[in-house]
Amino acid sequence: MLNTILHGTPGAEPPLLIVHGLYGSARNWGVIAKRLSDERQVIAVDQRNHGDSDWTESHSYFDMAEDLAEVIAAHGGRADVLGHSMGGKAAMVLALTRPDLVNRLILADIAPVGYDHSQIQYIEAMRGVDLSTVEKRSDASAQLARTVPEPTLQAFFTQSLDIKEKRWKLNLDLLAEEMPKIIGFPEIDGQFDGPTLFLSGAESDYVKPEYRERIRALFPAARFAKIPGAGHWLHAEKPREFEAAVRAYLEAT
């Protein structure tokens, strides 16, 4: 089963399962997960080929959805699911193929479509770090700055660095190989009728107006909201605003 970090204890409310995006980990969500656990248990996972979960030979969304189904089954059999980017696509496939497991769905800056902007440049940036010279995360950040100028992203990526073992906790070779699947979205005939929120960064173009017809075909109860001043990494750029939006949606529905 996927590596999990639990916040809070089981209660009357279904647990909230948080599914990180590409190059992320459960640790990236620590502060938000802990704050949201005041009203429900929060389960943050390391997806396959990320963090402390197993490295595998494939990285399809059907695989990732099965991983999430296993986690939910181990924690009561039904959960609210929050997924960012790649994690949002995995959450959508889970909801479309196993709607019995999903109570409510929150998709952070992602749509059920294929994208044409690859994320391979960040793999190359991480591969370019000379890990033999890294003694602390700031050493890796300084090297990443040559190709990744945004401090927020440098900090984000270095959370997946094992300083002691001098290795990335990311299966970079497989993720590069499977990138076409990651930026794509599988053909699915299912539909999820439960409450669904598409929460986007106002400065991001990942959820365009022209995607709404496709979204509503798969998620007829979809609602939309934006966080001002945030881009694709909205939970890292505007954590308090993101938490407030998630909390308000869960309370309202």
Protein backbone atom coordinates (compact mmCIF):
# COMPACT_ATOMS: atom_id res chain seq x y z
CA MET A 1 0.00 0.00 0.00
CA LEU A 2 1.07 3.59 -0.49
CA ASN A 3 3.00 5.30 2.27
CA THR A 4 0.61 7.49 4.26
CA ILE A 5 0.90 10.26 6.82
CA LEU A 6 -2.13 10.50 9.11
CA HIS A 7 -3.32 13.70 10.74
CA GLY A 8 -6.00 13.58 13.43
CA THR A 9 -8.16 10.61 14.33
CA PRO A 10 -11.20 8.96 12.72
CA GLY A 11 -14.48 10.67 13.55
CA ALA A 12 -18.03 11.13 12.34
CA GLU A 13 -16.93 12.83 9.13
CA PRO A 14 -15.38 10.80 6.30
CA PRO A 15 -11.61 11.17 6.18
CA LEU A 16 -10.06 13.58 3.70
CA LEU A 17 -7.56 11.90 1.38
CA ILE A 18 -4.95 14.30 -0.06
CA VAL A 19 -3.23 13.25 -3.27
CA HIS A 20 -0.18 15.27 -4.28
CA GLY A 21 0.86 16.17 -7.79
CA LEU A 22 3.88 15.30 -9.92
CA TYR A 23 7.20 15.53 -8.03
CA GLY A 24 5.31 16.08 -4.76
CA SER A 25 4.84 14.06 -1.60
CA ALA A 26 2.66 13.79 1.47
CA ARG A 27 5.17 16.01 3.29
CA ASN A 28 4.40 18.91 0.95
CA TRP A 29 0.89 19.00 2.40
CA GLY A 30 1.86 18.78 6.08
CA VAL A 31 0.72 22.21 7.25
CA ILE A 32 -2.56 22.24 5.30
CA ALA A 33 -3.32 18.62 6.26
CA LYS A 34 -2.69 19.29 9.95
CA ARG A 35 -4.90 22.38 9.95
CA LEU A 36 -7.76 20.60 8.16
CA SER A 37 -7.55 17.69 10.60
CA ASP A 38 -9.28 19.71 13.31
CA GLU A 39 -12.66 18.49 11.99
CA ARG A 40 -11.84 15.17 10.30
CA GLN A 41 -9.00 12.74 9.87
CA VAL A 42 -6.72 13.70 6.99
CA ILE A 43 -4.73 11.07 5.10
CA ALA A 44 -1.87 12.34 2.92
CA VAL A 45 -0.28 9.80 0.60
CA ASP A 46 2.99 9.42 -1.27
CA GLN A 47 1.96 8.30 -4.74
CA ARG A 48 3.82 5.46 -6.44
CA ASN A 49 7.32 6.47 -7.60
CA HIS A 50 7.26 9.38 -5.12
CA GLY A 51 8.30 9.88 -1.51
CA ASP A 52 8.49 6.71 0.57
CA SER A 53 6.12 4.65 -1.60
CA ASP A 54 7.33 1.86 -3.87
CA TRP A 55 8.93 2.43 -7.25
CA THR A 56 6.99 0.54 -9.90
CA GLU A 57 7.23 -0.33 -13.59
CA SER A 58 4.25 1.77 -14.66
CA HIS A 59 2.62 5.09 -13.80
CA SER A 60 -0.82 5.11 -15.40
CA TYR A 61 -3.85 6.84 -13.91
CA PHE A 62 -5.66 3.52 -13.59
CA ASP A 63 -2.72 2.24 -11.51
CA MET A 64 -2.78 5.35 -9.34
CA ALA A 65 -6.55 5.10 -8.87
CA GLU A 66 -6.17 1.50 -7.69
CA ASP A 67 -3.53 2.62 -5.20
CA LEU A 68 -5.93 5.23 -3.80
CA ALA A 69 -8.79 2.71 -3.64
CA GLU A 70 -6.60 0.46 -1.49
CA VAL A 71 -5.86 3.31 0.92
CA ILE A 72 -9.54 4.25 1.22
CA ALA A 73 -10.52 0.62 1.79
CA ALA A 74 -8.04 0.50 4.68
CA HIS A 75 -9.57 3.62 6.26
CA GLY A 76 -13.29 2.93 6.34
CA GLY A 77 -14.19 2.44 2.69
CA ARG A 78 -15.29 5.98 1.78
CA ALA A 79 -13.52 9.34 1.76
CA ASP A 80 -13.54 12.90 0.53
CA VAL A 81 -10.70 13.21 -1.96
CA LEU A 82 -8.54 16.25 -2.71
CA GLY A 83 -6.05 15.97 -5.56
CA HIS A 84 -3.66 18.49 -7.08
CA SER A 85 -2.53 18.34 -10.72
CA MET A 86 -1.47 14.73 -11.44
CA GLY A 87 -3.04 13.77 -8.12
CA GLY A 88 -6.25 15.42 -9.25
CA LYS A 89 -6.30 13.31 -12.39
CA ALA A 90 -5.74 10.18 -10.31
CA ALA A 91 -8.59 11.28 -8.04
CA MET A 92 -10.87 11.84 -11.05
CA VAL A 93 -10.14 8.37 -12.43
CA LEU A 94 -10.84 6.91 -8.99
CA ALA A 95 -14.18 8.75 -8.77
CA LEU A 96 -15.17 7.73 -12.29
CA THR A 97 -14.26 4.06 -11.87
CA ARG A 98 -15.06 3.57 -8.16
CA PRO A 99 -17.67 6.20 -7.26
CA ASP A 100 -18.71 4.11 -4.26
CA LEU A 101 -15.43 5.05 -2.55
CA VAL A 102 -15.64 8.82 -3.07
CA ASN A 103 -17.91 11.07 -1.05
CA ARG A 104 -16.85 14.49 -2.39
CA LEU A 105 -14.14 15.51 -4.81
CA ILE A 106 -11.89 18.58 -4.87
CA LEU A 107 -9.62 19.04 -7.90
CA ALA A 108 -6.85 21.59 -7.47
CA ASP A 109 -5.91 23.28 -10.76
CA ILE A 110 -6.45 20.40 -13.14
CA ALA A 111 -9.02 19.26 -15.71
CA PRO A 112 -9.81 15.84 -17.25
CA VAL A 113 -7.96 16.66 -20.47
CA GLY A 114 -4.59 16.09 -22.08
CA TYR A 115 -2.07 18.92 -21.92
CA ASP A 116 0.67 19.79 -24.36
CA HIS A 117 3.12 21.28 -21.86
CA SER A 118 5.45 18.58 -20.59
CA GLN A 119 6.99 18.74 -17.14
CA ILE A 120 10.17 17.00 -18.31
CA GLN A 121 12.26 20.15 -17.79
CA TYR A 122 12.05 19.68 -14.04
CA ILE A 123 13.33 16.12 -14.31
CA GLU A 124 16.30 17.45 -16.25
CA ALA A 125 16.82 20.13 -13.60
CA MET A 126 16.87 17.54 -10.81
CA ARG A 127 19.12 15.23 -12.79
CA GLY A 128 21.48 18.19 -13.20
CA VAL A 129 22.07 18.54 -9.46
CA ASP A 130 25.45 17.14 -8.39
CA LEU A 131 24.24 15.27 -5.33
CA SER A 132 27.79 14.42 -4.23
CA THR A 133 28.26 18.08 -3.29
CA VAL A 134 24.93 18.47 -1.47
CA GLU A 135 25.16 18.64 2.33
CA LYS A 136 21.90 20.53 2.96
CA ARG A 137 18.78 21.40 0.98
CA SER A 138 19.97 24.92 0.29
CA ASP A 139 22.92 23.43 -1.62
CA ALA A 140 20.50 21.66 -3.96
CA SER A 141 18.33 24.78 -4.23
CA ALA A 142 21.35 26.82 -5.32
CA GLN A 143 22.04 24.35 -8.12
CA LEU A 144 18.39 24.15 -9.15
CA ALA A 145 18.28 27.96 -9.37
CA ARG A 146 20.28 27.77 -12.59
CA THR A 147 17.24 26.35 -14.40
CA VAL A 148 14.40 26.75 -11.87
CA PRO A 149 14.45 30.40 -10.75
CA GLU A 150 11.30 30.25 -8.59
CA PRO A 151 12.25 29.79 -4.90
CA THR A 152 8.86 28.19 -4.21
CA LEU A 153 9.56 25.42 -6.73
CA GLN A 154 13.12 24.95 -5.51
CA ALA A 155 11.82 24.38 -1.99
CA PHE A 156 9.07 22.12 -3.32
CA PHE A 157 11.46 19.87 -5.24
CA THR A 158 14.09 19.63 -2.50
CA GLN A 159 11.51 18.21 -0.10
CA SER A 160 11.87 15.04 -2.20
CA LEU A 161 15.63 14.93 -1.65
CA ASP A 162 17.15 12.36 0.71
CA ILE A 163 20.18 14.30 1.95
CA LYS A 164 21.70 11.40 3.88
CA GLU A 165 21.49 8.93 1.01
CA LYS A 166 22.17 11.61 -1.62
CA ARG A 167 19.29 10.52 -3.81
CA TRP A 168 15.98 11.83 -5.08
CA LYS A 169 12.90 10.12 -3.64
CA LEU A 170 11.47 10.26 -7.15
CA ASN A 171 11.72 7.58 -9.83
CA LEU A 172 12.91 10.18 -12.34
CA ASP A 173 13.69 7.71 -15.12
CA LEU A 174 10.23 6.10 -15.04
CA LEU A 175 8.45 9.43 -14.68
CA ALA A 176 10.27 10.71 -17.76
CA GLU A 177 9.33 7.55 -19.67
CA GLU A 178 5.68 7.80 -18.60
CA MET A 179 5.35 11.56 -19.14
CA PRO A 180 2.95 11.15 -22.11
CA LYS A 181 0.52 9.29 -19.80
CA ILE A 182 0.99 11.84 -17.02
CA ILE A 183 0.15 14.87 -19.14
CA GLY A 184 -2.66 12.97 -20.88
CA PHE A 185 -5.97 11.69 -19.56
CA PRO A 186 -7.46 8.25 -20.27
CA GLU A 187 -10.70 7.66 -22.13
CA ILE A 188 -13.37 6.81 -19.55
CA ASP A 189 -17.11 6.26 -20.04
CA GLY A 190 -18.03 6.63 -16.37
CA GLN A 191 -19.59 9.56 -14.55
CA PHE A 192 -19.30 10.84 -10.98
CA ASP A 193 -22.48 12.47 -9.73
CA GLY A 194 -21.19 13.51 -6.32
CA PRO A 195 -20.26 17.04 -5.23
CA THR A 196 -17.17 18.19 -7.11
CA LEU A 197 -15.16 21.40 -6.85
CA PHE A 198 -12.66 22.53 -9.48
CA LEU A 199 -10.48 24.95 -7.51
CA SER A 200 -8.01 26.83 -9.70
CA GLY A 201 -5.33 29.46 -9.47
CA ALA A 202 -6.60 32.66 -11.11
CA GLU A 203 -3.25 33.08 -12.88
CA SER A 204 -3.14 29.50 -14.16
CA ASP A 205 -4.41 28.26 -17.53
CA TYR A 206 -4.88 24.62 -16.53
CA VAL A 207 -8.69 24.86 -16.29
CA LYS A 208 -9.81 26.85 -19.32
CA PRO A 209 -13.45 27.82 -19.99
CA GLU A 210 -13.49 25.59 -23.06
CA TYR A 211 -12.86 22.55 -20.83
CA ARG A 212 -16.14 23.00 -18.94
CA GLU A 213 -18.25 20.99 -21.37
CA ARG A 214 -15.93 18.01 -20.94
CA ILE A 215 -15.86 18.51 -17.18
CA ARG A 216 -19.64 18.62 -16.84
CA ALA A 217 -20.03 15.51 -19.01
CA LEU A 218 -17.98 13.55 -16.47
CA PHE A 219 -18.84 15.51 -13.32
CA PRO A 220 -22.37 16.93 -13.71
CA ALA A 221 -22.38 18.42 -10.19
CA ALA A 222 -19.14 20.34 -10.80
CA ARG A 223 -18.67 23.78 -9.30
CA PHE A 224 -15.82 26.18 -10.03
CA ALA A 225 -13.79 28.61 -7.93
CA LYS A 226 -10.51 30.51 -8.27
CA ILE A 227 -7.91 31.76 -5.82
CA PRO A 228 -6.74 35.28 -6.77
CA GLY A 229 -3.01 35.76 -7.23
CA ALA A 230 -2.28 32.03 -7.43
CA GLY A 231 -0.90 29.97 -10.28
CA HIS A 232 -0.73 26.21 -10.76
CA TRP A 233 0.99 25.59 -7.40
CA LEU A 234 -1.89 27.32 -5.62
CA HIS A 235 -1.61 25.38 -2.35
CA ALA A 236 2.05 26.40 -2.00
CA GLU A 237 1.61 29.98 -3.23
CA LYS A 238 -1.53 30.80 -1.23
CA PRO A 239 -1.78 28.14 1.51
CA ARG A 240 -4.13 30.03 3.84
CA GLU A 241 -6.49 30.99 1.03
CA PHE A 242 -6.38 27.43 -0.31
CA GLU A 243 -7.17 25.96 3.10
CA ALA A 244 -10.04 28.40 3.58
CA ALA A 245 -11.55 27.51 0.20
CA VAL A 246 -11.33 23.77 0.89
CA ARG A 247 -12.76 24.18 4.38
CA ALA A 248 -15.64 26.35 3.14
CA TYR A 249 -16.54 23.83 0.45
CA LEU A 250 -16.50 20.88 2.84
CA GLU A 251 -18.67 22.77 5.32
CA ALA A 252 -21.12 23.93 2.64
CA THR A 253 -21.61 20.48 1.12
